[in-house]
Amino acid sequence: MTSCRFSLIKMQIIVAGIVLTSVATPAADYRYLAYVGTYTDKDSRGIYAYRFDPASGEAESVGLAAETQNPSFLAVNPNYKFLYAVNEIDTFEGASTGAISTFVIDKQSGKLRQLQQISSPAQLTSRSTRPGGTSW
């Protein structure tokens, strides 16, 4: 029982660390912009932005940053200019595949401007990058 509980806690810490390092980017006012991808089958519409103050631990909603379908995994490139989203969908442009979207980050407003959306390999579910920009 203790081993299972420890494994669950360890997994939660790992997941939290991945989420924070994957989607946080310094904002223009020295707070962080944190992005949250959502499933869009109900009231959600895509990627939402928050301003996170690491000194106080408080997060303030910026609102909808970009409308895109089922952005289930997000990553920010090492220079914080681009955000990548894996769109967890069944078909893209008539093919049985998901999609990957690329956005430009506006650090002032927190909004995202879509640059490109391409099909993803059918087996791709998520990908992570190290701080230096190389893949895990």
N, C-alpha and C. Protein backbone atom coordinates (compact mmCIF):
# COMPACT_ATOMS: atom_id res chain seq x y z
N MET A 1 0.82 -1.19 0.00
CA MET A 1 0.00 0.00 0.00
C MET A 1 0.87 1.25 0.00
N THR A 2 1.91 1.30 0.85
CA THR A 2 2.78 2.47 0.93
C THR A 2 3.52 2.67 -0.40
N SER A 3 3.99 1.59 -1.01
CA SER A 3 4.71 1.67 -2.28
C SER A 3 3.81 2.24 -3.38
N CYS A 4 2.56 1.78 -3.43
CA CYS A 4 1.61 2.26 -4.42
C CYS A 4 1.33 3.75 -4.19
N ARG A 5 1.15 4.16 -2.94
CA ARG A 5 0.88 5.57 -2.62
C ARG A 5 2.08 6.44 -2.99
N PHE A 6 3.30 5.96 -2.69
CA PHE A 6 4.51 6.70 -3.03
C PHE A 6 4.62 6.86 -4.54
N SER A 7 4.32 5.79 -5.29
CA SER A 7 4.39 5.84 -6.75
C SER A 7 3.40 6.85 -7.30
N LEU A 8 2.20 6.90 -6.73
CA LEU A 8 1.18 7.85 -7.17
C LEU A 8 1.63 9.27 -6.90
N ILE A 9 2.18 9.54 -5.72
CA ILE A 9 2.67 10.88 -5.38
C ILE A 9 3.82 11.26 -6.30
N LYS A 10 4.74 10.32 -6.53
CA LYS A 10 5.88 10.57 -7.41
C LYS A 10 5.39 10.90 -8.82
N MET A 11 4.38 10.16 -9.32
CA MET A 11 3.84 10.41 -10.65
C MET A 11 3.19 11.79 -10.71
N GLN A 12 2.47 12.20 -9.66
CA GLN A 12 1.82 13.50 -9.65
C GLN A 12 2.87 14.61 -9.69
N ILE A 13 3.97 14.44 -8.97
CA ILE A 13 5.04 15.44 -8.97
C ILE A 13 5.67 15.53 -10.35
N ILE A 14 5.92 14.39 -10.99
CA ILE A 14 6.51 14.38 -12.32
C ILE A 14 5.58 15.07 -13.31
N VAL A 15 4.30 14.73 -13.28
CA VAL A 15 3.34 15.34 -14.19
C VAL A 15 3.26 16.85 -13.95
N ALA A 16 3.21 17.28 -12.71
CA ALA A 16 3.16 18.72 -12.40
C ALA A 16 4.41 19.42 -12.93
N GLY A 17 5.56 18.82 -12.77
CA GLY A 17 6.80 19.40 -13.27
C GLY A 17 6.81 19.52 -14.78
N ILE A 18 6.32 18.51 -15.48
CA ILE A 18 6.25 18.55 -16.93
C ILE A 18 5.32 19.66 -17.38
N VAL A 19 4.15 19.76 -16.75
CA VAL A 19 3.19 20.79 -17.14
C VAL A 19 3.77 22.18 -16.94
N LEU A 20 4.39 22.43 -15.80
CA LEU A 20 4.93 23.76 -15.53
C LEU A 20 6.07 24.12 -16.47
N THR A 21 6.95 23.17 -16.76
CA THR A 21 8.07 23.50 -17.64
C THR A 21 7.65 23.54 -19.09
N SER A 22 6.58 22.87 -19.45
CA SER A 22 6.17 22.82 -20.84
C SER A 22 5.38 24.04 -21.27
N VAL A 23 4.65 24.66 -20.38
CA VAL A 23 3.72 25.68 -20.82
C VAL A 23 3.92 27.05 -20.17
N ALA A 24 4.92 27.23 -19.35
CA ALA A 24 5.15 28.53 -18.72
C ALA A 24 6.19 29.30 -19.51
N THR A 25 5.94 30.56 -19.71
CA THR A 25 6.86 31.41 -20.44
C THR A 25 6.91 32.78 -19.76
N PRO A 26 8.08 33.41 -19.65
CA PRO A 26 8.14 34.72 -19.00
C PRO A 26 7.26 35.74 -19.73
N ALA A 27 6.45 36.45 -19.00
CA ALA A 27 5.60 37.49 -19.58
C ALA A 27 6.36 38.81 -19.58
N ALA A 28 5.82 39.78 -20.26
CA ALA A 28 6.48 41.08 -20.36
C ALA A 28 6.60 41.77 -19.00
N ASP A 29 5.71 41.49 -18.07
CA ASP A 29 5.74 42.16 -16.76
C ASP A 29 6.43 41.30 -15.69
N TYR A 30 7.21 40.33 -16.08
CA TYR A 30 8.02 39.48 -15.21
C TYR A 30 7.21 38.50 -14.38
N ARG A 31 5.94 38.38 -14.68
CA ARG A 31 5.19 37.24 -14.20
C ARG A 31 5.23 36.24 -15.34
N TYR A 32 4.86 35.01 -15.07
CA TYR A 32 4.86 34.00 -16.11
C TYR A 32 3.51 33.90 -16.76
N LEU A 33 3.51 33.59 -18.05
CA LEU A 33 2.29 33.22 -18.74
C LEU A 33 2.22 31.70 -18.67
N ALA A 34 1.12 31.18 -18.20
CA ALA A 34 0.91 29.74 -18.15
C ALA A 34 -0.26 29.41 -19.06
N TYR A 35 -0.10 28.41 -19.90
CA TYR A 35 -1.14 28.04 -20.86
C TYR A 35 -1.71 26.67 -20.49
N VAL A 36 -3.01 26.55 -20.65
CA VAL A 36 -3.71 25.30 -20.33
C VAL A 36 -4.50 24.88 -21.56
N GLY A 37 -4.23 23.68 -22.05
CA GLY A 37 -4.99 23.12 -23.17
C GLY A 37 -6.20 22.37 -22.63
N THR A 38 -7.30 22.41 -23.35
CA THR A 38 -8.54 21.79 -22.89
C THR A 38 -9.16 20.94 -23.99
N TYR A 39 -9.99 19.99 -23.57
CA TYR A 39 -10.82 19.27 -24.53
C TYR A 39 -12.00 20.16 -24.87
N THR A 40 -12.33 20.25 -26.14
CA THR A 40 -13.31 21.23 -26.59
C THR A 40 -14.67 20.62 -26.92
N ASP A 41 -15.00 19.48 -26.35
CA ASP A 41 -16.27 18.85 -26.68
C ASP A 41 -17.45 19.40 -25.87
N LYS A 42 -17.21 20.25 -24.91
CA LYS A 42 -18.31 20.85 -24.13
C LYS A 42 -18.21 22.37 -24.20
N ASP A 43 -17.98 23.04 -23.07
CA ASP A 43 -17.95 24.50 -23.04
C ASP A 43 -16.59 25.12 -23.34
N SER A 44 -15.55 24.33 -23.35
CA SER A 44 -14.21 24.84 -23.58
C SER A 44 -13.96 25.09 -25.06
N ARG A 45 -13.05 26.05 -25.37
CA ARG A 45 -12.83 26.41 -26.77
C ARG A 45 -11.38 26.29 -27.22
N GLY A 46 -10.47 25.83 -26.33
CA GLY A 46 -9.09 25.67 -26.78
C GLY A 46 -8.06 25.89 -25.70
N ILE A 47 -7.16 26.87 -25.93
CA ILE A 47 -6.04 27.13 -25.03
C ILE A 47 -6.34 28.40 -24.23
N TYR A 48 -6.21 28.30 -22.91
CA TYR A 48 -6.46 29.42 -22.02
C TYR A 48 -5.16 29.88 -21.39
N ALA A 49 -5.04 31.17 -21.13
CA ALA A 49 -3.82 31.75 -20.57
C ALA A 49 -4.08 32.28 -19.16
N TYR A 50 -3.04 32.19 -18.34
CA TYR A 50 -3.05 32.71 -16.97
C TYR A 50 -1.74 33.44 -16.74
N ARG A 51 -1.78 34.51 -15.96
CA ARG A 51 -0.54 35.17 -15.51
C ARG A 51 -0.26 34.64 -14.11
N PHE A 52 0.91 34.05 -13.96
CA PHE A 52 1.31 33.43 -12.70
C PHE A 52 2.42 34.24 -12.07
N ASP A 53 2.20 34.62 -10.82
CA ASP A 53 3.19 35.36 -10.04
C ASP A 53 3.92 34.38 -9.13
N PRO A 54 5.18 34.04 -9.42
CA PRO A 54 5.88 33.06 -8.61
C PRO A 54 6.16 33.54 -7.18
N ALA A 55 6.20 34.85 -6.97
CA ALA A 55 6.46 35.37 -5.62
C ALA A 55 5.26 35.14 -4.71
N SER A 56 4.05 35.35 -5.22
CA SER A 56 2.85 35.20 -4.38
C SER A 56 2.17 33.85 -4.57
N GLY A 57 2.47 33.18 -5.69
CA GLY A 57 1.81 31.91 -5.99
C GLY A 57 0.43 32.09 -6.59
N GLU A 58 0.04 33.33 -6.90
CA GLU A 58 -1.28 33.60 -7.44
C GLU A 58 -1.29 33.52 -8.96
N ALA A 59 -2.43 33.07 -9.50
CA ALA A 59 -2.64 33.02 -10.94
C ALA A 59 -3.88 33.82 -11.29
N GLU A 60 -3.77 34.63 -12.34
CA GLU A 60 -4.88 35.46 -12.79
C GLU A 60 -5.25 35.04 -14.21
N SER A 61 -6.53 34.79 -14.46
CA SER A 61 -6.98 34.38 -15.78
C SER A 61 -6.85 35.51 -16.78
N VAL A 62 -6.24 35.20 -17.93
CA VAL A 62 -6.18 36.13 -19.04
C VAL A 62 -7.36 35.86 -19.97
N GLY A 63 -7.81 34.60 -19.99
CA GLY A 63 -8.93 34.20 -20.84
C GLY A 63 -8.48 33.30 -21.97
N LEU A 64 -9.33 33.19 -22.97
CA LEU A 64 -9.05 32.37 -24.13
C LEU A 64 -7.88 32.96 -24.91
N ALA A 65 -6.81 32.17 -25.06
CA ALA A 65 -5.63 32.64 -25.78
C ALA A 65 -5.72 32.27 -27.26
N ALA A 66 -6.30 31.10 -27.55
CA ALA A 66 -6.45 30.65 -28.94
C ALA A 66 -7.55 29.60 -29.01
N GLU A 67 -8.36 29.72 -30.03
CA GLU A 67 -9.40 28.73 -30.26
C GLU A 67 -8.82 27.65 -31.17
N THR A 68 -8.77 26.43 -30.66
CA THR A 68 -8.27 25.29 -31.43
C THR A 68 -8.86 24.03 -30.83
N GLN A 69 -9.04 23.01 -31.62
CA GLN A 69 -9.75 21.81 -31.20
C GLN A 69 -8.85 20.85 -30.40
N ASN A 70 -9.30 20.51 -29.19
CA ASN A 70 -8.67 19.51 -28.30
C ASN A 70 -7.14 19.61 -28.18
N PRO A 71 -6.62 20.76 -27.75
CA PRO A 71 -5.17 20.87 -27.56
C PRO A 71 -4.76 20.17 -26.27
N SER A 72 -4.51 18.87 -26.36
CA SER A 72 -4.31 18.06 -25.15
C SER A 72 -2.88 18.07 -24.63
N PHE A 73 -1.92 18.52 -25.41
CA PHE A 73 -0.53 18.59 -24.95
C PHE A 73 0.09 19.86 -25.50
N LEU A 74 0.75 20.62 -24.63
CA LEU A 74 1.36 21.90 -25.03
C LEU A 74 2.84 21.90 -24.71
N ALA A 75 3.61 22.61 -25.52
CA ALA A 75 5.04 22.80 -25.26
C ALA A 75 5.44 24.17 -25.80
N VAL A 76 6.38 24.82 -25.11
CA VAL A 76 6.90 26.12 -25.52
C VAL A 76 8.34 25.92 -25.95
N ASN A 77 8.74 26.58 -27.05
CA ASN A 77 10.12 26.42 -27.50
C ASN A 77 11.07 27.15 -26.55
N PRO A 78 12.37 26.85 -26.61
CA PRO A 78 13.33 27.41 -25.63
C PRO A 78 13.41 28.93 -25.56
N ASN A 79 13.13 29.65 -26.64
CA ASN A 79 13.22 31.11 -26.57
C ASN A 79 11.85 31.76 -26.27
N TYR A 80 10.86 30.96 -25.95
CA TYR A 80 9.53 31.42 -25.53
C TYR A 80 8.77 32.22 -26.59
N LYS A 81 9.10 32.02 -27.86
CA LYS A 81 8.39 32.74 -28.92
C LYS A 81 7.22 31.94 -29.49
N PHE A 82 7.31 30.62 -29.41
CA PHE A 82 6.30 29.77 -30.04
C PHE A 82 5.74 28.75 -29.04
N LEU A 83 4.46 28.44 -29.22
CA LEU A 83 3.81 27.40 -28.45
C LEU A 83 3.31 26.35 -29.45
N TYR A 84 3.53 25.09 -29.13
CA TYR A 84 3.09 23.98 -29.97
C TYR A 84 1.99 23.23 -29.24
N ALA A 85 0.96 22.83 -29.96
CA ALA A 85 -0.15 22.09 -29.37
C ALA A 85 -0.40 20.83 -30.19
N VAL A 86 -0.57 19.72 -29.49
CA VAL A 86 -1.01 18.48 -30.14
C VAL A 86 -2.53 18.51 -30.08
N ASN A 87 -3.16 18.53 -31.25
CA ASN A 87 -4.62 18.52 -31.33
C ASN A 87 -5.08 17.07 -31.40
N GLU A 88 -5.69 16.62 -30.32
CA GLU A 88 -6.14 15.24 -30.21
C GLU A 88 -7.50 15.10 -30.91
N ILE A 89 -7.43 14.85 -32.21
CA ILE A 89 -8.63 14.72 -33.03
C ILE A 89 -8.55 13.44 -33.85
N ASP A 90 -9.68 12.97 -34.35
CA ASP A 90 -9.71 11.72 -35.12
C ASP A 90 -9.36 11.91 -36.58
N THR A 91 -9.76 13.05 -37.15
CA THR A 91 -9.47 13.30 -38.56
C THR A 91 -8.99 14.73 -38.75
N PHE A 92 -8.08 14.90 -39.69
CA PHE A 92 -7.58 16.23 -40.05
C PHE A 92 -7.50 16.28 -41.57
N GLU A 93 -8.18 17.25 -42.16
CA GLU A 93 -8.22 17.42 -43.60
C GLU A 93 -8.58 16.12 -44.32
N GLY A 94 -9.57 15.41 -43.76
CA GLY A 94 -10.08 14.19 -44.38
C GLY A 94 -9.29 12.93 -44.12
N ALA A 95 -8.14 13.04 -43.47
CA ALA A 95 -7.30 11.86 -43.19
C ALA A 95 -7.51 11.42 -41.74
N SER A 96 -7.30 10.17 -41.49
CA SER A 96 -7.44 9.61 -40.14
C SER A 96 -6.16 9.86 -39.35
N THR A 97 -6.03 11.09 -38.87
CA THR A 97 -4.83 11.51 -38.13
C THR A 97 -5.17 12.71 -37.26
N GLY A 98 -4.30 13.00 -36.32
CA GLY A 98 -4.45 14.19 -35.49
C GLY A 98 -3.75 15.36 -36.15
N ALA A 99 -3.50 16.40 -35.35
CA ALA A 99 -2.85 17.60 -35.90
C ALA A 99 -1.90 18.20 -34.87
N ILE A 100 -0.98 19.00 -35.36
CA ILE A 100 -0.08 19.78 -34.51
C ILE A 100 -0.22 21.23 -34.94
N SER A 101 -0.46 22.11 -33.97
CA SER A 101 -0.62 23.53 -34.25
C SER A 101 0.56 24.31 -33.69
N THR A 102 0.99 25.33 -34.43
CA THR A 102 2.06 26.22 -33.99
C THR A 102 1.48 27.61 -33.82
N PHE A 103 1.80 28.25 -32.68
CA PHE A 103 1.30 29.58 -32.37
C PHE A 103 2.45 30.50 -32.02
N VAL A 104 2.30 31.80 -32.32
CA VAL A 104 3.21 32.84 -31.86
C VAL A 104 2.64 33.37 -30.56
N ILE A 105 3.51 33.52 -29.54
CA ILE A 105 3.10 34.02 -28.23
C ILE A 105 3.23 35.54 -28.19
N ASP A 106 2.15 36.21 -27.86
CA ASP A 106 2.18 37.66 -27.61
C ASP A 106 2.35 37.84 -26.10
N LYS A 107 3.55 38.20 -25.66
CA LYS A 107 3.83 38.28 -24.22
C LYS A 107 3.08 39.42 -23.53
N GLN A 108 2.69 40.43 -24.27
CA GLN A 108 1.93 41.54 -23.68
C GLN A 108 0.51 41.12 -23.33
N SER A 109 -0.19 40.54 -24.30
CA SER A 109 -1.61 40.21 -24.10
C SER A 109 -1.82 38.78 -23.62
N GLY A 110 -0.85 37.90 -23.84
CA GLY A 110 -1.02 36.49 -23.52
C GLY A 110 -1.72 35.71 -24.61
N LYS A 111 -2.18 36.39 -25.64
CA LYS A 111 -2.90 35.74 -26.75
C LYS A 111 -1.92 34.97 -27.63
N LEU A 112 -2.46 34.01 -28.36
CA LEU A 112 -1.69 33.20 -29.29
C LEU A 112 -2.22 33.44 -30.70
N ARG A 113 -1.30 33.57 -31.66
CA ARG A 113 -1.69 33.71 -33.07
C ARG A 113 -1.22 32.47 -33.81
N GLN A 114 -2.16 31.75 -34.42
CA GLN A 114 -1.81 30.51 -35.10
C GLN A 114 -1.01 30.79 -36.36
N LEU A 115 0.13 30.10 -36.47
CA LEU A 115 0.98 30.19 -37.65
C LEU A 115 0.69 29.07 -38.63
N GLN A 116 0.50 27.87 -38.08
CA GLN A 116 0.43 26.69 -38.92
C GLN A 116 -0.30 25.58 -38.19
N GLN A 117 -0.95 24.72 -38.96
CA GLN A 117 -1.51 23.49 -38.41
C GLN A 117 -1.26 22.40 -39.44
N ILE A 118 -0.61 21.32 -39.01
CA ILE A 118 -0.27 20.23 -39.91
C ILE A 118 -0.75 18.92 -39.32
N SER A 119 -0.81 17.90 -40.16
CA SER A 119 -1.21 16.58 -39.65
C SER A 119 -0.06 15.99 -38.84
N SER A 120 -0.42 15.17 -37.87
CA SER A 120 0.58 14.49 -37.05
C SER A 120 0.60 13.02 -37.43
N PRO A 121 1.74 12.35 -37.20
CA PRO A 121 1.76 10.91 -37.42
C PRO A 121 0.67 10.25 -36.57
N ALA A 122 0.02 9.26 -37.10
CA ALA A 122 -1.11 8.62 -36.42
C ALA A 122 -0.74 8.12 -35.03
N GLN A 123 0.49 7.66 -34.84
CA GLN A 123 0.88 7.11 -33.54
C GLN A 123 1.33 8.17 -32.55
N LEU A 124 1.49 9.41 -32.97
CA LEU A 124 1.96 10.47 -32.09
C LEU A 124 0.88 10.89 -31.12
N THR A 125 1.18 10.84 -29.82
CA THR A 125 0.23 11.33 -28.82
C THR A 125 0.77 12.57 -28.13
N SER A 126 2.06 12.61 -27.85
CA SER A 126 2.65 13.80 -27.26
C SER A 126 4.16 13.75 -27.44
N ARG A 127 4.78 14.89 -27.30
CA ARG A 127 6.23 15.00 -27.43
C ARG A 127 6.69 16.08 -26.47
N SER A 128 7.82 15.89 -25.85
CA SER A 128 8.34 16.88 -24.92
C SER A 128 9.70 17.34 -25.38
N THR A 129 10.06 18.56 -25.04
CA THR A 129 11.39 19.07 -25.37
C THR A 129 12.13 19.45 -24.10
N ARG A 130 13.43 19.25 -24.15
CA ARG A 130 14.29 19.65 -23.05
C ARG A 130 14.52 21.16 -23.14
N PRO A 131 15.00 21.79 -22.07
CA PRO A 131 15.25 23.23 -22.11
C PRO A 131 16.13 23.68 -23.29
N GLY A 132 17.05 22.86 -23.72
CA GLY A 132 17.90 23.20 -24.84
C GLY A 132 17.24 23.04 -26.20
N GLY A 133 16.01 22.52 -26.20
CA GLY A 133 15.26 22.38 -27.45
C GLY A 133 15.32 21.00 -28.07
N THR A 134 16.07 20.05 -27.47
CA THR A 134 16.14 18.71 -28.02
C THR A 134 15.02 17.85 -27.46
N SER A 135 14.64 16.82 -28.21
CA SER A 135 13.54 15.96 -27.78
C SER A 135 13.98 14.97 -26.73
N TRP A 136 13.02 14.56 -25.92
CA TRP A 136 13.27 13.51 -24.92
C TRP A 136 13.34 12.19 -25.64
